[in-house]
Amino acid sequence: GLVALRREGLEIGAWPFLRIGLLVMPPALL
């Protein structure tokens, strides 16, 4: 999915993905 986004010109690195994951994952687990 990230490769496809990069092909479209949207660059999302590992750190921003991790920050969002840290915010979204706990409520999803709960």
ModelCIF file with pLDDT and N, C-alpha, C, O atoms, coordinates in Angstrom:
data_MODEL
#
_entry.id   MODEL 
#
_entity.id                         1 
_entity.type                       polymer 
_entity.pdbx_number_of_molecules   1 
#
_entity_poly.entity_id                      1 
_entity_poly.type                           'polypeptide(L)' 
_entity_poly.nstd_linkage                   no 
_entity_poly.nstd_monomer                   no 
_entity_poly.pdbx_seq_one_letter_code       GLVALRREGLEIGAWPFLRIGLLVMPPALL 
_entity_poly.pdbx_seq_one_letter_code_can   GLVALRREGLEIGAWPFLRIGLLVMPPALL 
_entity_poly.pdbx_strand_id                 A 
#
loop_
_entity_poly_seq.entity_id 
_entity_poly_seq.num 
_entity_poly_seq.mon_id 
_entity_poly_seq.hetero 
1 1  GLY n 
1 2  LEU n 
1 3  VAL n 
1 4  ALA n 
1 5  LEU n 
1 6  ARG n 
1 7  ARG n 
1 8  GLU n 
1 9  GLY n 
1 10 LEU n 
1 11 GLU n 
1 12 ILE n 
1 13 GLY n 
1 14 ALA n 
1 15 TRP n 
1 16 PRO n 
1 17 PHE n 
1 18 LEU n 
1 19 ARG n 
1 20 ILE n 
1 21 GLY n 
1 22 LEU n 
1 23 LEU n 
1 24 VAL n 
1 25 MET n 
1 26 PRO n 
1 27 PRO n 
1 28 ALA n 
1 29 LEU n 
1 30 LEU n 
#
_struct_asym.id          A 
_struct_asym.entity_id   1 
#
loop_
_ma_qa_metric.id 
_ma_qa_metric.mode 
_ma_qa_metric.name 
_ma_qa_metric.software_group_id 
_ma_qa_metric.type 
1 global pLDDT . pLDDT 
2 local  pLDDT . pLDDT 
#
_ma_qa_metric_global.metric_id      1 
_ma_qa_metric_global.metric_value   78.40 
_ma_qa_metric_global.model_id       1 
_ma_qa_metric_global.ordinal_id     1 
#
loop_
_ma_qa_metric_local.label_asym_id 
_ma_qa_metric_local.label_comp_id 
_ma_qa_metric_local.label_seq_id 
_ma_qa_metric_local.metric_id 
_ma_qa_metric_local.metric_value 
_ma_qa_metric_local.model_id 
_ma_qa_metric_local.ordinal_id 
A GLY 1  2 75.00 1 1  
A LEU 2  2 77.00 1 2  
A VAL 3  2 79.00 1 3  
A ALA 4  2 80.00 1 4  
A LEU 5  2 79.00 1 5  
A ARG 6  2 83.00 1 6  
A ARG 7  2 85.00 1 7  
A GLU 8  2 85.00 1 8  
A GLY 9  2 87.00 1 9  
A LEU 10 2 83.00 1 10 
A GLU 11 2 82.00 1 11 
A ILE 12 2 79.00 1 12 
A GLY 13 2 77.00 1 13 
A ALA 14 2 74.00 1 14 
A TRP 15 2 80.00 1 15 
A PRO 16 2 82.00 1 16 
A PHE 17 2 76.00 1 17 
A LEU 18 2 77.00 1 18 
A ARG 19 2 81.00 1 19 
A ILE 20 2 79.00 1 20 
A GLY 21 2 76.00 1 21 
A LEU 22 2 79.00 1 22 
A LEU 23 2 82.00 1 23 
A VAL 24 2 76.00 1 24 
A MET 25 2 75.00 1 25 
A PRO 26 2 76.00 1 26 
A PRO 27 2 78.00 1 27 
A ALA 28 2 69.00 1 28 
A LEU 29 2 68.00 1 29 
A LEU 30 2 73.00 1 30 
#
loop_
_atom_site.group_PDB 
_atom_site.id 
_atom_site.type_symbol 
_atom_site.label_atom_id 
_atom_site.label_alt_id 
_atom_site.label_comp_id 
_atom_site.label_asym_id 
_atom_site.label_entity_id 
_atom_site.label_seq_id 
_atom_site.pdbx_PDB_ins_code 
_atom_site.Cartn_x 
_atom_site.Cartn_y 
_atom_site.Cartn_z 
_atom_site.occupancy 
_atom_site.B_iso_or_equiv 
_atom_site.pdbx_formal_charge 
_atom_site.auth_seq_id 
_atom_site.auth_comp_id 
_atom_site.auth_asym_id 
_atom_site.auth_atom_id 
_atom_site.pdbx_PDB_model_num 
ATOM 1   N N  . GLY A 1 1  ? 0.819   -1.206 0.000  1.00 75.00 ? 1  GLY A N  1 
ATOM 2   C CA . GLY A 1 1  ? 0.000   0.000  0.000  1.00 75.00 ? 1  GLY A CA 1 
ATOM 3   C C  . GLY A 1 1  ? 0.854   1.258  0.000  1.00 75.00 ? 1  GLY A C  1 
ATOM 4   O O  . GLY A 1 1  ? 0.551   2.218  -0.708 1.00 75.00 ? 1  GLY A O  1 
ATOM 5   N N  . LEU A 1 2  ? 1.925   1.257  0.794  1.00 77.00 ? 2  LEU A N  1 
ATOM 6   C CA . LEU A 1 2  ? 2.815   2.421  0.826  1.00 77.00 ? 2  LEU A CA 1 
ATOM 7   C C  . LEU A 1 2  ? 3.556   2.586  -0.498 1.00 77.00 ? 2  LEU A C  1 
ATOM 8   O O  . LEU A 1 2  ? 3.794   3.709  -0.942 1.00 77.00 ? 2  LEU A O  1 
ATOM 9   N N  . VAL A 1 3  ? 3.918   1.481  -1.123 1.00 79.00 ? 3  VAL A N  1 
ATOM 10  C CA . VAL A 1 3  ? 4.570   1.558  -2.437 1.00 79.00 ? 3  VAL A CA 1 
ATOM 11  C C  . VAL A 1 3  ? 3.610   2.185  -3.453 1.00 79.00 ? 3  VAL A C  1 
ATOM 12  O O  . VAL A 1 3  ? 4.015   3.027  -4.254 1.00 79.00 ? 3  VAL A O  1 
ATOM 13  N N  . ALA A 1 4  ? 2.352   1.779  -3.419 1.00 80.00 ? 4  ALA A N  1 
ATOM 14  C CA . ALA A 1 4  ? 1.355   2.337  -4.338 1.00 80.00 ? 4  ALA A CA 1 
ATOM 15  C C  . ALA A 1 4  ? 1.157   3.831  -4.081 1.00 80.00 ? 4  ALA A C  1 
ATOM 16  O O  . ALA A 1 4  ? 1.024   4.611  -5.024 1.00 80.00 ? 4  ALA A O  1 
ATOM 17  N N  . LEU A 1 5  ? 1.135   4.233  -2.798 1.00 79.00 ? 5  LEU A N  1 
ATOM 18  C CA . LEU A 1 5  ? 1.000   5.652  -2.481 1.00 79.00 ? 5  LEU A CA 1 
ATOM 19  C C  . LEU A 1 5  ? 2.203   6.450  -2.988 1.00 79.00 ? 5  LEU A C  1 
ATOM 20  O O  . LEU A 1 5  ? 2.050   7.567  -3.482 1.00 79.00 ? 5  LEU A O  1 
ATOM 21  N N  . ARG A 1 6  ? 3.380   5.877  -2.864 1.00 83.00 ? 6  ARG A N  1 
ATOM 22  C CA . ARG A 1 6  ? 4.584   6.573  -3.355 1.00 83.00 ? 6  ARG A CA 1 
ATOM 23  C C  . ARG A 1 6  ? 4.537   6.751  -4.860 1.00 83.00 ? 6  ARG A C  1 
ATOM 24  O O  . ARG A 1 6  ? 4.956   7.783  -5.385 1.00 83.00 ? 6  ARG A O  1 
ATOM 25  N N  . ARG A 1 7  ? 4.022   5.737  -5.556 1.00 85.00 ? 7  ARG A N  1 
ATOM 26  C CA . ARG A 1 7  ? 3.903   5.861  -7.011 1.00 85.00 ? 7  ARG A CA 1 
ATOM 27  C C  . ARG A 1 7  ? 2.981   7.007  -7.395 1.00 85.00 ? 7  ARG A C  1 
ATOM 28  O O  . ARG A 1 7  ? 3.124   7.608  -8.459 1.00 85.00 ? 7  ARG A O  1 
ATOM 29  N N  . GLU A 1 8  ? 2.031   7.300  -6.511 1.00 85.00 ? 8  GLU A N  1 
ATOM 30  C CA . GLU A 1 8  ? 1.088   8.402  -6.763 1.00 85.00 ? 8  GLU A CA 1 
ATOM 31  C C  . GLU A 1 8  ? 1.612   9.733  -6.243 1.00 85.00 ? 8  GLU A C  1 
ATOM 32  O O  . GLU A 1 8  ? 0.931   10.754 -6.344 1.00 85.00 ? 8  GLU A O  1 
ATOM 33  N N  . GLY A 1 9  ? 2.827   9.725  -5.683 1.00 87.00 ? 9  GLY A N  1 
ATOM 34  C CA . GLY A 1 9  ? 3.433   10.966 -5.224 1.00 87.00 ? 9  GLY A CA 1 
ATOM 35  C C  . GLY A 1 9  ? 3.223   11.288 -3.759 1.00 87.00 ? 9  GLY A C  1 
ATOM 36  O O  . GLY A 1 9  ? 3.636   12.356 -3.307 1.00 87.00 ? 9  GLY A O  1 
ATOM 37  N N  . LEU A 1 10 ? 2.595   10.403 -3.001 1.00 83.00 ? 10 LEU A N  1 
ATOM 38  C CA . LEU A 1 10 ? 2.374   10.638 -1.577 1.00 83.00 ? 10 LEU A CA 1 
ATOM 39  C C  . LEU A 1 10 ? 3.400   9.846  -0.789 1.00 83.00 ? 10 LEU A C  1 
ATOM 40  O O  . LEU A 1 10 ? 3.350   8.616  -0.755 1.00 83.00 ? 10 LEU A O  1 
ATOM 41  N N  . GLU A 1 11 ? 4.326   10.544 -0.160 1.00 82.00 ? 11 GLU A N  1 
ATOM 42  C CA . GLU A 1 11 ? 5.423   9.911  0.579  1.00 82.00 ? 11 GLU A CA 1 
ATOM 43  C C  . GLU A 1 11 ? 5.053   9.814  2.054  1.00 82.00 ? 11 GLU A C  1 
ATOM 44  O O  . GLU A 1 11 ? 4.892   10.835 2.723  1.00 82.00 ? 11 GLU A O  1 
ATOM 45  N N  . ILE A 1 12 ? 4.919   8.600  2.560  1.00 79.00 ? 12 ILE A N  1 
ATOM 46  C CA . ILE A 1 12 ? 4.671   8.367  3.981  1.00 79.00 ? 12 ILE A CA 1 
ATOM 47  C C  . ILE A 1 12 ? 5.789   7.472  4.484  1.00 79.00 ? 12 ILE A C  1 
ATOM 48  O O  . ILE A 1 12 ? 5.909   6.321  4.063  1.00 79.00 ? 12 ILE A O  1 
ATOM 49  N N  . GLY A 1 13 ? 6.602   7.998  5.382  1.00 77.00 ? 13 GLY A N  1 
ATOM 50  C CA . GLY A 1 13 ? 7.732   7.248  5.907  1.00 77.00 ? 13 GLY A CA 1 
ATOM 51  C C  . GLY A 1 13 ? 7.337   6.363  7.080  1.00 77.00 ? 13 GLY A C  1 
ATOM 52  O O  . GLY A 1 13 ? 6.185   6.353  7.513  1.00 77.00 ? 13 GLY A O  1 
ATOM 53  N N  . ALA A 1 14 ? 8.310   5.625  7.580  1.00 74.00 ? 14 ALA A N  1 
ATOM 54  C CA . ALA A 1 14 ? 8.064   4.687  8.674  1.00 74.00 ? 14 ALA A CA 1 
ATOM 55  C C  . ALA A 1 14 ? 7.726   5.414  9.978  1.00 74.00 ? 14 ALA A C  1 
ATOM 56  O O  . ALA A 1 14 ? 6.861   4.961  10.728 1.00 74.00 ? 14 ALA A O  1 
ATOM 57  N N  . TRP A 1 15 ? 8.398   6.532  10.258 1.00 80.00 ? 15 TRP A N  1 
ATOM 58  C CA . TRP A 1 15 ? 8.138   7.243  11.518 1.00 80.00 ? 15 TRP A CA 1 
ATOM 59  C C  . TRP A 1 15 ? 6.715   7.816  11.582 1.00 80.00 ? 15 TRP A C  1 
ATOM 60  O O  . TRP A 1 15 ? 6.042   7.611  12.592 1.00 80.00 ? 15 TRP A O  1 
ATOM 61  N N  . PRO A 1 16 ? 6.228   8.521  10.556 1.00 82.00 ? 16 PRO A N  1 
ATOM 62  C CA . PRO A 1 16 ? 4.832   8.993  10.624 1.00 82.00 ? 16 PRO A CA 1 
ATOM 63  C C  . PRO A 1 16 ? 3.839   7.831  10.737 1.00 82.00 ? 16 PRO A C  1 
ATOM 64  O O  . PRO A 1 16 ? 2.841   7.925  11.451 1.00 82.00 ? 16 PRO A O  1 
ATOM 65  N N  . PHE A 1 17 ? 4.120   6.750  10.034 1.00 76.00 ? 17 PHE A N  1 
ATOM 66  C CA . PHE A 1 17 ? 3.239   5.577  10.119 1.00 76.00 ? 17 PHE A CA 1 
ATOM 67  C C  . PHE A 1 17 ? 3.224   5.037  11.545 1.00 76.00 ? 17 PHE A C  1 
ATOM 68  O O  . PHE A 1 17 ? 2.165   4.690  12.068 1.00 76.00 ? 17 PHE A O  1 
ATOM 69  N N  . LEU A 1 18 ? 4.410   4.964  12.184 1.00 77.00 ? 18 LEU A N  1 
ATOM 70  C CA . LEU A 1 18 ? 4.512   4.474  13.554 1.00 77.00 ? 18 LEU A CA 1 
ATOM 71  C C  . LEU A 1 18 ? 3.767   5.389  14.518 1.00 77.00 ? 18 LEU A C  1 
ATOM 72  O O  . LEU A 1 18 ? 3.064   4.909  15.407 1.00 77.00 ? 18 LEU A O  1 
ATOM 73  N N  . ARG A 1 19 ? 3.913   6.710  14.349 1.00 81.00 ? 19 ARG A N  1 
ATOM 74  C CA . ARG A 1 19 ? 3.211   7.648  15.235 1.00 81.00 ? 19 ARG A CA 1 
ATOM 75  C C  . ARG A 1 19 ? 1.693   7.480  15.130 1.00 81.00 ? 19 ARG A C  1 
ATOM 76  O O  . ARG A 1 19 ? 0.998   7.466  16.146 1.00 81.00 ? 19 ARG A O  1 
ATOM 77  N N  . ILE A 1 20 ? 1.190   7.354  13.923 1.00 79.00 ? 20 ILE A N  1 
ATOM 78  C CA . ILE A 1 20 ? -0.252  7.157  13.743 1.00 79.00 ? 20 ILE A CA 1 
ATOM 79  C C  . ILE A 1 20 ? -0.673  5.809  14.323 1.00 79.00 ? 20 ILE A C  1 
ATOM 80  O O  . ILE A 1 20 ? -1.711  5.698  14.976 1.00 79.00 ? 20 ILE A O  1 
ATOM 81  N N  . GLY A 1 21 ? 0.153   4.781  14.074 1.00 76.00 ? 21 GLY A N  1 
ATOM 82  C CA . GLY A 1 21 ? -0.149  3.452  14.615 1.00 76.00 ? 21 GLY A CA 1 
ATOM 83  C C  . GLY A 1 21 ? -0.212  3.452  16.133 1.00 76.00 ? 21 GLY A C  1 
ATOM 84  O O  . GLY A 1 21 ? -1.070  2.791  16.719 1.00 76.00 ? 21 GLY A O  1 
ATOM 85  N N  . LEU A 1 22 ? 0.696   4.194  16.781 1.00 79.00 ? 22 LEU A N  1 
ATOM 86  C CA . LEU A 1 22 ? 0.688   4.273  18.246 1.00 79.00 ? 22 LEU A CA 1 
ATOM 87  C C  . LEU A 1 22 ? -0.565  4.957  18.775 1.00 79.00 ? 22 LEU A C  1 
ATOM 88  O O  . LEU A 1 22 ? -1.019  4.658  19.880 1.00 79.00 ? 22 LEU A O  1 
ATOM 89  N N  . LEU A 1 23 ? -1.123  5.869  17.994 1.00 82.00 ? 23 LEU A N  1 
ATOM 90  C CA . LEU A 1 23 ? -2.349  6.549  18.408 1.00 82.00 ? 23 LEU A CA 1 
ATOM 91  C C  . LEU A 1 23 ? -3.592  5.703  18.150 1.00 82.00 ? 23 LEU A C  1 
ATOM 92  O O  . LEU A 1 23 ? -4.525  5.699  18.952 1.00 82.00 ? 23 LEU A O  1 
ATOM 93  N N  . VAL A 1 24 ? -3.600  4.996  17.039 1.00 76.00 ? 24 VAL A N  1 
ATOM 94  C CA . VAL A 1 24 ? -4.800  4.277  16.613 1.00 76.00 ? 24 VAL A CA 1 
ATOM 95  C C  . VAL A 1 24 ? -4.895  2.877  17.219 1.00 76.00 ? 24 VAL A C  1 
ATOM 96  O O  . VAL A 1 24 ? -5.994  2.393  17.492 1.00 76.00 ? 24 VAL A O  1 
ATOM 97  N N  . MET A 1 25 ? -3.754  2.227  17.428 1.00 75.00 ? 25 MET A N  1 
ATOM 98  C CA . MET A 1 25 ? -3.773  0.838  17.873 1.00 75.00 ? 25 MET A CA 1 
ATOM 99  C C  . MET A 1 25 ? -4.391  0.631  19.259 1.00 75.00 ? 25 MET A C  1 
ATOM 100 O O  . MET A 1 25 ? -5.218  -0.270 19.398 1.00 75.00 ? 25 MET A O  1 
ATOM 101 N N  . PRO A 1 26 ? -4.044  1.404  20.291 1.00 76.00 ? 26 PRO A N  1 
ATOM 102 C CA . PRO A 1 26 ? -4.633  1.137  21.620 1.00 76.00 ? 26 PRO A CA 1 
ATOM 103 C C  . PRO A 1 26 ? -6.164  1.178  21.654 1.00 76.00 ? 26 PRO A C  1 
ATOM 104 O O  . PRO A 1 26 ? -6.777  0.268  22.212 1.00 76.00 ? 26 PRO A O  1 
ATOM 105 N N  . PRO A 1 27 ? -6.807  2.209  21.070 1.00 78.00 ? 27 PRO A N  1 
ATOM 106 C CA . PRO A 1 27 ? -8.273  2.165  21.071 1.00 78.00 ? 27 PRO A CA 1 
ATOM 107 C C  . PRO A 1 27 ? -8.830  0.974  20.295 1.00 78.00 ? 27 PRO A C  1 
ATOM 108 O O  . PRO A 1 27 ? -9.848  0.399  20.682 1.00 78.00 ? 27 PRO A O  1 
ATOM 109 N N  . ALA A 1 28 ? -8.168  0.603  19.203 1.00 69.00 ? 28 ALA A N  1 
ATOM 110 C CA . ALA A 1 28 ? -8.635  -0.558 18.440 1.00 69.00 ? 28 ALA A CA 1 
ATOM 111 C C  . ALA A 1 28 ? -8.511  -1.834 19.267 1.00 69.00 ? 28 ALA A C  1 
ATOM 112 O O  . ALA A 1 28 ? -9.381  -2.703 19.204 1.00 69.00 ? 28 ALA A O  1 
ATOM 113 N N  . LEU A 1 29 ? -7.444  -1.949 20.034 1.00 68.00 ? 29 LEU A N  1 
ATOM 114 C CA . LEU A 1 29 ? -7.278  -3.125 20.895 1.00 68.00 ? 29 LEU A CA 1 
ATOM 115 C C  . LEU A 1 29 ? -8.303  -3.150 22.010 1.00 68.00 ? 29 LEU A C  1 
ATOM 116 O O  . LEU A 1 29 ? -8.845  -4.204 22.342 1.00 68.00 ? 29 LEU A O  1 
ATOM 117 N N  . LEU A 1 30 ? -8.568  -1.985 22.589 1.00 73.00 ? 30 LEU A N  1 
ATOM 118 C CA . LEU A 1 30 ? -9.556  -1.930 23.674 1.00 73.00 ? 30 LEU A CA 1 
ATOM 119 C C  . LEU A 1 30 ? -10.958 -2.215 23.179 1.00 73.00 ? 30 LEU A C  1 
ATOM 120 O O  . LEU A 1 30 ? -11.905 -2.207 23.966 1.00 73.00 ? 30 LEU A O  1 
#
